[in-house]
Amino acid sequence: MAILACPICKGVLDLTVEEENGQEVITGSLYCRKCSELYPIGDTIPNLLPPSMRA
Protein backbone atom coordinates (compact mmCIF):
# COMPACT_ATOMS: atom_id res chain seq x y z
CA MET A 1 0.00 0.00 0.00
CA ALA A 2 2.84 2.39 0.72
CA ILE A 3 3.92 2.46 -2.93
CA LEU A 4 0.44 2.80 -4.48
CA ALA A 5 -0.74 6.23 -5.60
CA CYS A 6 -3.66 7.54 -7.61
CA PRO A 7 -2.73 7.31 -11.31
CA ILE A 8 -4.65 10.51 -12.05
CA CYS A 9 -3.38 12.95 -9.39
CA LYS A 10 -0.73 10.89 -7.50
CA GLY A 11 -2.73 11.28 -4.26
CA VAL A 12 -2.72 8.82 -1.36
CA LEU A 13 -5.15 5.89 -1.66
CA ASP A 14 -7.32 4.62 1.21
CA LEU A 15 -8.09 0.90 1.28
CA THR A 16 -11.56 -0.51 1.97
CA VAL A 17 -11.66 -4.30 2.36
CA GLU A 18 -14.86 -6.21 1.57
CA GLU A 19 -13.35 -9.72 1.55
CA GLU A 20 -9.91 -10.94 2.54
CA ASN A 21 -8.03 -14.20 2.92
CA GLY A 22 -5.32 -13.79 5.55
CA GLN A 23 -3.09 -10.93 4.38
CA GLU A 24 -4.58 -10.82 0.86
CA VAL A 25 -7.47 -8.54 -0.17
CA ILE A 26 -9.89 -10.47 -2.39
CA THR A 27 -12.43 -7.67 -3.03
CA GLY A 28 -12.63 -4.05 -1.98
CA SER A 29 -11.64 -0.64 -3.27
CA LEU A 30 -9.01 2.07 -3.21
CA TYR A 31 -10.22 5.66 -2.77
CA CYS A 32 -8.29 8.84 -3.55
CA ARG A 33 -9.08 11.65 -1.11
CA LYS A 34 -7.52 14.24 -3.39
CA CYS A 35 -9.57 13.69 -6.58
CA SER A 36 -12.37 11.48 -5.15
CA GLU A 37 -11.76 8.66 -7.62
CA LEU A 38 -12.64 5.09 -6.59
CA TYR A 39 -10.66 2.11 -7.90
CA PRO A 40 -12.19 -1.37 -7.51
CA ILE A 41 -10.31 -4.47 -6.34
CA GLY A 42 -11.62 -7.75 -7.76
CA ASP A 43 -10.13 -11.22 -7.49
CA THR A 44 -7.12 -9.73 -5.63
CA ILE A 45 -6.30 -7.32 -8.51
CA PRO A 46 -6.70 -3.54 -8.15
CA ASN A 47 -7.97 -1.83 -11.31
CA LEU A 48 -5.93 1.37 -11.37
CA LEU A 49 -6.88 2.36 -14.90
CA PRO A 50 -8.42 5.82 -15.28
CA PRO A 51 -12.24 5.61 -15.41
CA SER A 52 -12.37 6.34 -19.15
CA MET A 53 -10.17 3.29 -19.86
CA ARG A 54 -11.99 0.70 -17.73
CA ALA A 55 -13.93 -2.07 -19.47
C-alpha atoms as a PDB file:
ATOM      1  CA  MET A   1       0.000   0.000   0.000  1.00  0.00           C
ATOM      2  CA  ALA A   2       2.837   2.388   0.723  1.00  0.00           C
ATOM      3  CA  ILE A   3       3.923   2.462  -2.933  1.00  0.00           C
ATOM      4  CA  LEU A   4       0.442   2.799  -4.484  1.00  0.00           C
ATOM      5  CA  ALA A   5      -0.741   6.232  -5.597  1.00  0.00           C
ATOM      6  CA  CYS A   6      -3.665   7.538  -7.613  1.00  0.00           C
ATOM      7  CA  PRO A   7      -2.728   7.307 -11.312  1.00  0.00           C
ATOM      8  CA  ILE A   8      -4.648  10.512 -12.051  1.00  0.00           C
ATOM      9  CA  CYS A   9      -3.383  12.950  -9.385  1.00  0.00           C
ATOM     10  CA  LYS A  10      -0.730  10.895  -7.501  1.00  0.00           C
ATOM     11  CA  GLY A  11      -2.732  11.277  -4.260  1.00  0.00           C
ATOM     12  CA  VAL A  12      -2.718   8.823  -1.355  1.00  0.00           C
ATOM     13  CA  LEU A  13      -5.148   5.886  -1.663  1.00  0.00           C
ATOM     14  CA  ASP A  14      -7.321   4.623   1.209  1.00  0.00           C
ATOM     15  CA  LEU A  15      -8.093   0.897   1.275  1.00  0.00           C
ATOM     16  CA  THR A  16     -11.561  -0.510   1.974  1.00  0.00           C
ATOM     17  CA  VAL A  17     -11.660  -4.304   2.363  1.00  0.00           C
ATOM     18  CA  GLU A  18     -14.856  -6.207   1.566  1.00  0.00           C
ATOM     19  CA  GLU A  19     -13.351  -9.718   1.553  1.00  0.00           C
ATOM     20  CA  GLU A  20      -9.909 -10.937   2.542  1.00  0.00           C
ATOM     21  CA  ASN A  21      -8.029 -14.197   2.918  1.00  0.00           C
ATOM     22  CA  GLY A  22      -5.319 -13.792   5.549  1.00  0.00           C
ATOM     23  CA  GLN A  23      -3.089 -10.930   4.375  1.00  0.00           C
ATOM     24  CA  GLU A  24      -4.582 -10.822   0.855  1.00  0.00           C
ATOM     25  CA  VAL A  25      -7.475  -8.544  -0.165  1.00  0.00           C
ATOM     26  CA  ILE A  26      -9.893 -10.465  -2.390  1.00  0.00           C
ATOM     27  CA  THR A  27     -12.426  -7.666  -3.034  1.00  0.00           C
ATOM     28  CA  GLY A  28     -12.630  -4.048  -1.982  1.00  0.00           C
ATOM     29  CA  SER A  29     -11.637  -0.642  -3.269  1.00  0.00           C
ATOM     30  CA  LEU A  30      -9.011   2.068  -3.208  1.00  0.00           C
ATOM     31  CA  TYR A  31     -10.224   5.660  -2.766  1.00  0.00           C
ATOM     32  CA  CYS A  32      -8.293   8.838  -3.553  1.00  0.00           C
ATOM     33  CA  ARG A  33      -9.078  11.648  -1.107  1.00  0.00           C
ATOM     34  CA  LYS A  34      -7.516  14.241  -3.391  1.00  0.00           C
ATOM     35  CA  CYS A  35      -9.568  13.689  -6.583  1.00  0.00           C
ATOM     36  CA  SER A  36     -12.372  11.484  -5.145  1.00  0.00           C
ATOM     37  CA  GLU A  37     -11.759   8.657  -7.618  1.00  0.00           C
ATOM     38  CA  LEU A  38     -12.642   5.091  -6.588  1.00  0.00           C
ATOM     39  CA  TYR A  39     -10.660   2.107  -7.899  1.00  0.00           C
ATOM     40  CA  PRO A  40     -12.187  -1.369  -7.506  1.00  0.00           C
ATOM     41  CA  ILE A  41     -10.312  -4.468  -6.343  1.00  0.00           C
ATOM     42  CA  GLY A  42     -11.618  -7.746  -7.765  1.00  0.00           C
ATOM     43  CA  ASP A  43     -10.133 -11.223  -7.494  1.00  0.00           C
ATOM     44  CA  THR A  44      -7.118  -9.725  -5.631  1.00  0.00           C
ATOM     45  CA  ILE A  45      -6.304  -7.316  -8.512  1.00  0.00           C
ATOM     46  CA  PRO A  46      -6.697  -3.536  -8.146  1.00  0.00           C
ATOM     47  CA  ASN A  47      -7.969  -1.833 -11.306  1.00  0.00           C
ATOM     48  CA  LEU A  48      -5.926   1.369 -11.374  1.00  0.00           C
ATOM     49  CA  LEU A  49      -6.882   2.360 -14.895  1.00  0.00           C
ATOM     50  CA  PRO A  50      -8.423   5.819 -15.276  1.00  0.00           C
ATOM     51  CA  PRO A  51     -12.244   5.611 -15.408  1.00  0.00           C
ATOM     52  CA  SER A  52     -12.370   6.338 -19.148  1.00  0.00           C
ATOM     53  CA  MET A  53     -10.165   3.287 -19.861  1.00  0.00           C
ATOM     54  CA  ARG A  54     -11.990   0.698 -17.729  1.00  0.00           C
ATOM     55  CA  ALA A  55     -13.925  -2.069 -19.471  1.00  0.00           C
END
